[in-house]
Amino acid sequence: MDEPAVEFLPWFVRRDDVFSLEVTEDQRDFIDSSVAEFLADDDDHPTFRSFAVCVGSAVVGLACYGREVGHEPWRWWIPLVVIDHRHQGSGYGRATMLALIARIQSEAPDCRMIGLSCKPGNIIAQCLYRSLGFELAETNSRGGIDMWLDLSGM
């Protein structure tokens, strides 16, 4: 099956749609803040960029990626991917992750590792990330599980 085509737009272009994104009740424990709270800190992380994930004219999610200041330039991070509960199960999470990986590789050809973190109970996300090649690394100081994708062999 082909991946659905997703497009990234600067989140503020579709601000109202982005702020209305919601996860299911069961998933609320897996994110540390609402989308609005996460984006309120956007200016504190100048090397990260957040995008509305769009399919046609619909905003189906939010994605953020970047390089952490003070870390190696070959190490990038995906702090948040959220797909609205009304659009889950349609392949948009996988398509978003593949698009993020491709975008990072294009923008940072020297990138060798892409990291992310998820909560221990978020089995669906862990399965998705593993299927894309991310490997479990360690539990971080916030109780999340860090996972890394090694791009050196790609």
Protein backbone atom coordinates (compact mmCIF):
# COMPACT_ATOMS: atom_id res chain seq x y z
CA MET A 1 0.00 0.00 0.00
CA ASP A 2 1.31 3.45 -0.88
CA GLU A 3 1.91 5.95 1.88
CA PRO A 4 -0.53 8.87 1.92
CA ALA A 5 1.02 12.14 0.73
CA VAL A 6 1.52 14.61 3.55
CA GLU A 7 2.63 18.21 3.22
CA PHE A 8 4.25 20.42 5.84
CA LEU A 9 3.18 24.03 6.30
CA PRO A 10 4.48 26.44 8.96
CA TRP A 11 2.14 25.76 11.88
CA PHE A 12 1.12 29.40 12.32
CA VAL A 13 -0.33 29.49 8.79
CA ARG A 14 -3.03 27.10 10.04
CA ARG A 15 -2.94 28.18 13.71
CA ASP A 16 -6.61 27.56 14.53
CA ASP A 17 -6.59 24.11 12.94
CA VAL A 18 -3.35 23.19 14.71
CA PHE A 19 -4.67 24.36 18.09
CA SER A 20 -7.78 22.20 17.61
CA LEU A 21 -5.75 18.98 17.21
CA GLU A 22 -6.66 16.36 19.80
CA VAL A 23 -5.54 12.87 20.66
CA THR A 24 -7.76 10.17 22.11
CA GLU A 25 -8.43 10.09 25.85
CA ASP A 26 -6.12 7.06 26.17
CA GLN A 27 -3.28 8.94 24.46
CA ARG A 28 -3.35 12.05 26.65
CA ASP A 29 -0.92 10.45 29.10
CA PHE A 30 1.58 10.03 26.27
CA ILE A 31 2.14 13.73 25.61
CA ASP A 32 3.50 16.14 28.19
CA SER A 33 1.48 19.16 27.08
CA SER A 34 -1.22 20.27 24.72
CA VAL A 35 -0.25 21.33 21.21
CA ALA A 36 -0.81 24.97 22.22
CA GLU A 37 1.45 24.59 25.27
CA PHE A 38 4.14 22.91 23.20
CA LEU A 39 4.04 25.68 20.60
CA ALA A 40 4.12 28.39 23.27
CA ASP A 41 7.73 27.29 23.90
CA ASP A 42 8.60 27.35 20.18
CA ASP A 43 10.72 30.50 20.49
CA ASP A 44 12.80 28.87 23.25
CA HIS A 45 14.11 26.33 20.73
CA PRO A 46 15.41 28.33 17.74
CA THR A 47 16.94 25.29 16.00
CA PHE A 48 13.61 23.42 15.95
CA ARG A 49 10.78 23.97 13.50
CA SER A 50 7.15 22.99 13.93
CA PHE A 51 4.79 22.27 11.05
CA ALA A 52 1.14 21.60 10.43
CA VAL A 53 0.87 18.19 8.78
CA CYS A 54 -1.63 18.53 5.96
CA VAL A 55 -3.37 16.15 3.60
CA GLY A 56 -5.05 18.21 0.93
CA SER A 57 -6.72 21.09 2.75
CA ALA A 58 -7.07 19.17 6.04
CA VAL A 59 -4.66 19.62 8.95
CA VAL A 60 -4.18 16.09 10.28
CA GLY A 61 -1.35 16.70 12.72
CA LEU A 62 1.67 18.57 13.98
CA ALA A 63 5.34 17.64 13.62
CA CYS A 64 8.50 19.22 15.00
CA TYR A 65 12.16 18.48 14.34
CA GLY A 66 15.57 20.08 14.68
CA ARG A 67 19.05 19.93 16.10
CA GLU A 68 19.65 20.54 19.78
CA VAL A 69 22.00 23.43 20.49
CA GLY A 70 25.15 22.20 22.22
CA HIS A 71 24.94 18.71 20.72
CA GLU A 72 26.78 17.23 17.80
CA PRO A 73 25.61 18.61 14.42
CA TRP A 74 25.15 15.06 13.15
CA ARG A 75 22.49 14.32 15.80
CA TRP A 76 18.93 15.57 15.20
CA TRP A 77 15.78 15.18 17.29
CA ILE A 78 12.04 14.80 16.71
CA PRO A 79 10.39 16.07 19.92
CA LEU A 80 6.77 15.78 18.82
CA VAL A 81 4.54 14.15 16.23
CA VAL A 82 0.81 14.33 16.89
CA ILE A 83 -1.87 13.00 14.57
CA ASP A 84 -5.40 14.16 15.38
CA HIS A 85 -7.64 11.37 16.67
CA ARG A 86 -10.03 11.84 13.73
CA HIS A 87 -7.22 10.99 11.30
CA GLN A 88 -5.47 8.14 13.10
CA GLY A 89 -5.33 4.72 11.51
CA SER A 90 -4.98 6.12 7.98
CA GLY A 91 -1.19 5.91 7.68
CA TYR A 92 -0.56 9.60 8.39
CA GLY A 93 1.75 8.91 11.32
CA ARG A 94 3.99 6.68 9.22
CA ALA A 95 3.86 9.09 6.26
CA THR A 96 4.75 11.99 8.57
CA MET A 97 7.70 10.13 10.06
CA LEU A 98 9.00 9.13 6.62
CA ALA A 99 8.66 12.73 5.43
CA LEU A 100 10.50 14.01 8.53
CA ILE A 101 13.34 11.55 8.04
CA ALA A 102 13.65 12.50 4.36
CA ARG A 103 13.54 16.20 5.21
CA ILE A 104 16.25 15.88 7.85
CA GLN A 105 18.44 13.90 5.44
CA SER A 106 17.94 16.59 2.79
CA GLU A 107 18.57 19.54 5.11
CA ALA A 108 21.42 17.93 7.03
CA PRO A 109 23.33 15.49 4.82
CA ASP A 110 25.84 15.05 7.67
CA CYS A 111 23.12 13.80 10.03
CA ARG A 112 23.93 10.30 11.24
CA MET A 113 21.37 9.84 14.01
CA ILE A 114 17.77 10.91 14.53
CA GLY A 115 16.37 10.57 18.03
CA LEU A 116 12.96 10.75 19.63
CA SER A 117 11.35 9.84 22.91
CA CYS A 118 8.08 8.20 23.77
CA LYS A 119 6.35 7.06 26.94
CA PRO A 120 6.86 3.42 27.98
CA GLY A 121 3.14 2.62 27.60
CA ASN A 122 2.87 4.04 24.08
CA ILE A 123 3.22 0.66 22.41
CA ILE A 124 1.64 1.73 19.11
CA ALA A 125 4.18 4.55 18.68
CA GLN A 126 7.05 2.26 19.67
CA CYS A 127 5.94 -0.30 17.06
CA LEU A 128 5.75 2.40 14.40
CA TYR A 129 9.18 3.76 15.27
CA ARG A 130 10.73 0.28 15.34
CA SER A 131 9.21 -0.51 11.94
CA LEU A 132 11.02 2.57 10.60
CA GLY A 133 14.36 1.41 12.01
CA PHE A 134 14.48 3.26 15.35
CA GLU A 135 16.06 1.23 18.13
CA LEU A 136 15.42 1.48 21.86
CA ALA A 137 18.29 3.17 23.63
CA GLU A 138 17.57 4.09 27.24
CA THR A 139 15.09 5.55 29.66
CA ASN A 140 15.63 9.30 29.96
CA SER A 141 15.43 11.52 33.05
CA ARG A 142 11.74 12.30 32.35
CA GLY A 143 10.77 8.61 32.30
CA GLY A 144 10.50 8.41 28.51
CA ILE A 145 12.17 5.88 26.26
CA ASP A 146 14.74 7.36 23.89
CA MET A 147 14.93 5.73 20.47
CA TRP A 148 17.48 6.33 17.74
CA LEU A 149 17.56 5.84 13.99
CA ASP A 150 21.06 5.22 12.66
CA LEU A 151 21.28 6.81 9.21
CA SER A 152 24.89 5.83 8.56
CA GLY A 153 23.81 2.66 6.76
CA MET A 154 21.06 4.28 4.71
